[in-house]
Each structure stands twice: as C-alpha cells, then as structure tokens.
C-alpha cells in the first residue's frame, strides 16, 4: 500500500512537495534535498504528519 505524504522545507516550513511512500516497508520519515521557491535555494525537505 502506498500513501501520499507532504514534504515541507526545513528552513521556511512551507509545504512545497508531495510524494508517494510505501508505508509498510518504511516507517521512517523521508528527507530529500529539493529546491524551495520561497527560499530560492536547495534545502532539505522532510515528511510532515
């Protein structure tokens, strides 16, 4: 089963991206380095609840 998750910027805390995640095999939160259009730079984006 795949669930939709929201990724938020760690610098400005805005929710910029969505992604799909396999909930059963990966209970940990996702961390991805992506571009934030509000900060105008690449920052770490973390999965939110």
N, C-alpha and C. Protein backbone atom coordinates (compact mmCIF):
# COMPACT_ATOMS: atom_id res chain seq x y z
N UNK A 1 0.84 -1.18 0.00
CA UNK A 1 0.00 0.00 0.00
C UNK A 1 0.89 1.24 0.00
N UNK A 2 0.56 2.18 -0.87
CA UNK A 2 1.33 3.42 -0.96
C UNK A 2 0.48 4.58 -0.47
N UNK A 3 1.07 5.41 0.36
CA UNK A 3 0.37 6.56 0.92
C UNK A 3 0.98 7.86 0.41
N UNK A 4 0.16 8.87 0.27
CA UNK A 4 0.60 10.19 -0.14
C UNK A 4 1.15 10.93 1.08
N UNK A 5 2.36 11.50 0.94
CA UNK A 5 2.98 12.26 2.02
C UNK A 5 3.30 13.66 1.52
N UNK A 6 3.36 14.61 2.44
CA UNK A 6 3.67 16.00 2.12
C UNK A 6 5.06 16.32 2.63
N UNK A 7 5.87 16.98 1.79
CA UNK A 7 7.23 17.37 2.17
C UNK A 7 7.28 18.86 2.45
N UNK A 8 7.88 19.23 3.59
CA UNK A 8 7.96 20.64 3.99
C UNK A 8 9.43 21.05 4.10
N UNK A 9 9.71 22.28 3.72
CA UNK A 9 11.05 22.85 3.80
C UNK A 9 11.45 23.01 5.27
N UNK A 10 12.70 22.67 5.60
CA UNK A 10 13.16 22.79 6.98
C UNK A 10 13.55 24.22 7.33
N UNK A 11 13.80 25.03 6.33
CA UNK A 11 14.23 26.41 6.58
C UNK A 11 13.03 27.36 6.77
N UNK A 12 12.04 27.29 5.87
CA UNK A 12 10.90 28.21 5.95
C UNK A 12 9.61 27.51 6.39
N UNK A 13 9.64 26.17 6.52
CA UNK A 13 8.50 25.35 6.97
C UNK A 13 7.29 25.41 6.06
N UNK A 14 7.47 25.74 4.79
CA UNK A 14 6.36 25.73 3.84
C UNK A 14 6.26 24.36 3.20
N UNK A 15 5.04 23.95 2.93
CA UNK A 15 4.79 22.64 2.34
C UNK A 15 4.77 22.77 0.83
N UNK A 16 5.85 22.32 0.18
CA UNK A 16 6.05 22.55 -1.25
C UNK A 16 5.79 21.34 -2.13
N UNK A 17 6.04 20.14 -1.65
CA UNK A 17 6.02 18.95 -2.50
C UNK A 17 5.15 17.85 -1.88
N UNK A 18 4.65 16.97 -2.76
CA UNK A 18 4.00 15.75 -2.33
C UNK A 18 4.74 14.58 -2.96
N UNK A 19 4.66 13.42 -2.30
CA UNK A 19 5.33 12.23 -2.79
C UNK A 19 4.54 11.02 -2.35
N UNK A 20 4.86 9.87 -2.94
CA UNK A 20 4.24 8.61 -2.54
C UNK A 20 5.26 7.80 -1.75
N UNK A 21 4.76 7.06 -0.75
CA UNK A 21 5.65 6.30 0.12
C UNK A 21 5.01 4.96 0.46
N UNK A 22 5.83 3.92 0.46
CA UNK A 22 5.36 2.60 0.86
C UNK A 22 5.39 2.55 2.39
N UNK A 23 4.24 2.59 3.01
CA UNK A 23 4.11 2.70 4.45
C UNK A 23 4.58 1.45 5.19
N UNK A 24 4.38 0.26 4.63
CA UNK A 24 4.69 -0.98 5.34
C UNK A 24 6.18 -1.26 5.45
N UNK A 25 6.94 -0.96 4.42
CA UNK A 25 8.36 -1.30 4.45
C UNK A 25 9.23 -0.16 4.99
N UNK A 26 8.68 1.04 5.12
CA UNK A 26 9.49 2.19 5.53
C UNK A 26 8.71 3.06 6.53
N UNK A 27 8.79 2.75 7.83
CA UNK A 27 8.06 3.57 8.81
C UNK A 27 8.77 4.89 9.13
N UNK A 28 10.04 5.06 8.69
CA UNK A 28 10.78 6.29 8.97
C UNK A 28 10.29 7.44 8.09
N UNK A 29 10.57 8.65 8.53
CA UNK A 29 10.19 9.83 7.75
C UNK A 29 11.19 10.08 6.62
N UNK A 30 10.68 10.58 5.50
CA UNK A 30 11.51 10.84 4.32
C UNK A 30 12.22 12.19 4.48
N UNK A 31 13.49 12.25 4.08
CA UNK A 31 14.25 13.50 3.99
C UNK A 31 14.87 13.57 2.60
N UNK A 32 14.55 14.62 1.84
CA UNK A 32 15.04 14.77 0.47
C UNK A 32 15.52 16.21 0.29
N UNK A 33 16.63 16.37 -0.42
CA UNK A 33 17.11 17.71 -0.72
C UNK A 33 16.46 18.17 -2.02
N UNK A 34 15.63 19.21 -1.94
CA UNK A 34 14.88 19.72 -3.09
C UNK A 34 14.95 21.23 -3.13
N UNK A 35 14.55 21.80 -4.26
CA UNK A 35 14.56 23.24 -4.44
C UNK A 35 13.30 23.86 -3.81
N UNK A 36 13.51 24.91 -3.02
CA UNK A 36 12.41 25.66 -2.41
C UNK A 36 12.30 27.00 -3.13
N UNK A 37 11.15 27.26 -3.74
CA UNK A 37 10.99 28.50 -4.50
C UNK A 37 10.84 29.71 -3.58
N UNK A 38 10.53 29.51 -2.32
CA UNK A 38 10.39 30.63 -1.38
C UNK A 38 11.74 31.04 -0.80
N UNK A 39 12.64 30.06 -0.59
CA UNK A 39 13.99 30.35 -0.10
C UNK A 39 14.97 30.62 -1.24
N UNK A 40 14.60 30.26 -2.47
CA UNK A 40 15.45 30.39 -3.66
C UNK A 40 16.75 29.61 -3.54
N UNK A 41 16.69 28.42 -2.93
CA UNK A 41 17.86 27.57 -2.82
C UNK A 41 17.43 26.13 -2.57
N UNK A 42 18.39 25.21 -2.68
CA UNK A 42 18.13 23.81 -2.38
C UNK A 42 18.24 23.60 -0.88
N UNK A 43 17.20 23.05 -0.27
CA UNK A 43 17.17 22.79 1.16
C UNK A 43 16.64 21.38 1.40
N UNK A 44 16.78 20.90 2.62
CA UNK A 44 16.25 19.59 2.99
C UNK A 44 14.76 19.73 3.24
N UNK A 45 13.99 18.84 2.63
CA UNK A 45 12.55 18.78 2.83
C UNK A 45 12.23 17.49 3.58
N UNK A 46 11.43 17.60 4.65
CA UNK A 46 11.07 16.45 5.47
C UNK A 46 9.58 16.16 5.35
N UNK A 47 9.27 14.91 5.58
CA UNK A 47 7.86 14.48 5.58
C UNK A 47 7.16 15.05 6.80
N UNK A 48 5.94 15.57 6.59
CA UNK A 48 5.13 16.11 7.68
C UNK A 48 4.03 15.13 8.03
N UNK A 49 3.41 15.33 9.16
CA UNK A 49 2.30 14.45 9.57
C UNK A 49 1.02 14.90 8.93
